[in-house]
């Protein structure tokens, strides 16, 4: 099963679908941070060092 197929199946569950929609604003911010990091050729480690956070926090 692909990720897309799994998502389509899970979206049939109303509770899952509602939670998915609710988290989209946060996911949009996360995606923007990741895209900016990649476009600037900044590694997760470099980002974590410059923001005083852990490397795992730098990429969800």
Protein backbone atom coordinates (compact mmCIF):
# COMPACT_ATOMS: atom_id res chain seq x y z
CA UNK A 1 0.00 0.00 0.00
CA UNK A 2 1.38 3.41 -0.91
CA UNK A 3 1.25 6.41 1.39
CA UNK A 4 -1.33 8.01 -0.92
CA UNK A 5 -3.54 4.90 -0.76
CA UNK A 6 -3.19 4.74 3.02
CA UNK A 7 -4.17 8.41 3.36
CA UNK A 8 -7.20 7.93 1.10
CA UNK A 9 -8.31 4.96 3.20
CA UNK A 10 -7.80 6.81 6.50
CA UNK A 11 -9.62 9.92 5.20
CA UNK A 12 -12.78 7.79 5.06
CA UNK A 13 -12.77 7.84 8.87
CA UNK A 14 -14.56 11.08 9.86
CA UNK A 15 -12.52 11.54 13.05
CA UNK A 16 -9.25 11.12 11.17
CA UNK A 17 -10.38 13.44 8.37
CA UNK A 18 -11.36 16.14 10.86
CA UNK A 19 -8.03 15.90 12.70
CA UNK A 20 -6.16 15.97 9.38
CA UNK A 21 -7.94 19.16 8.30
CA UNK A 22 -7.38 20.80 11.70
CA UNK A 23 -3.62 20.24 11.56
CA UNK A 24 -3.15 21.69 8.07
CA UNK A 25 -2.20 25.24 9.20
CA UNK A 26 0.58 23.82 11.38
CA UNK A 27 1.72 21.50 8.59
CA UNK A 28 1.82 24.47 6.19
CA UNK A 29 4.19 26.32 8.54
CA UNK A 30 6.36 23.23 8.90
CA UNK A 31 6.48 22.77 5.12
CA UNK A 32 7.46 26.43 4.65
CA UNK A 33 10.32 26.07 7.14
CA UNK A 34 11.55 22.91 5.45
CA UNK A 35 11.32 24.48 1.99
CA UNK A 36 13.21 27.58 3.17
CA UNK A 37 15.90 25.44 4.80
CA UNK A 38 16.36 23.39 1.65
CA UNK A 39 16.36 26.41 -0.67
CA UNK A 40 19.13 27.99 1.44
CA UNK A 41 21.15 24.73 1.50
CA UNK A 42 21.00 24.62 5.29
CA UNK A 43 21.26 21.21 6.91
CA UNK A 44 19.01 20.12 9.76
CA UNK A 45 22.05 20.26 12.04
CA UNK A 46 22.92 23.82 10.96
CA UNK A 47 19.33 24.93 11.50
CA UNK A 48 19.18 23.33 14.92
CA UNK A 49 22.45 24.99 15.95
CA UNK A 50 21.30 28.41 14.78
CA UNK A 51 17.90 28.15 16.46
CA UNK A 52 18.97 26.47 19.70
CA UNK A 53 16.86 23.40 19.13
CA UNK A 54 17.61 19.74 18.53
CA UNK A 55 18.26 18.34 15.06
CA UNK A 56 15.21 16.07 15.30
CA UNK A 57 13.05 19.12 16.05
CA UNK A 58 14.37 20.84 12.91
CA UNK A 59 12.65 18.34 10.61
CA UNK A 60 9.39 16.78 11.74
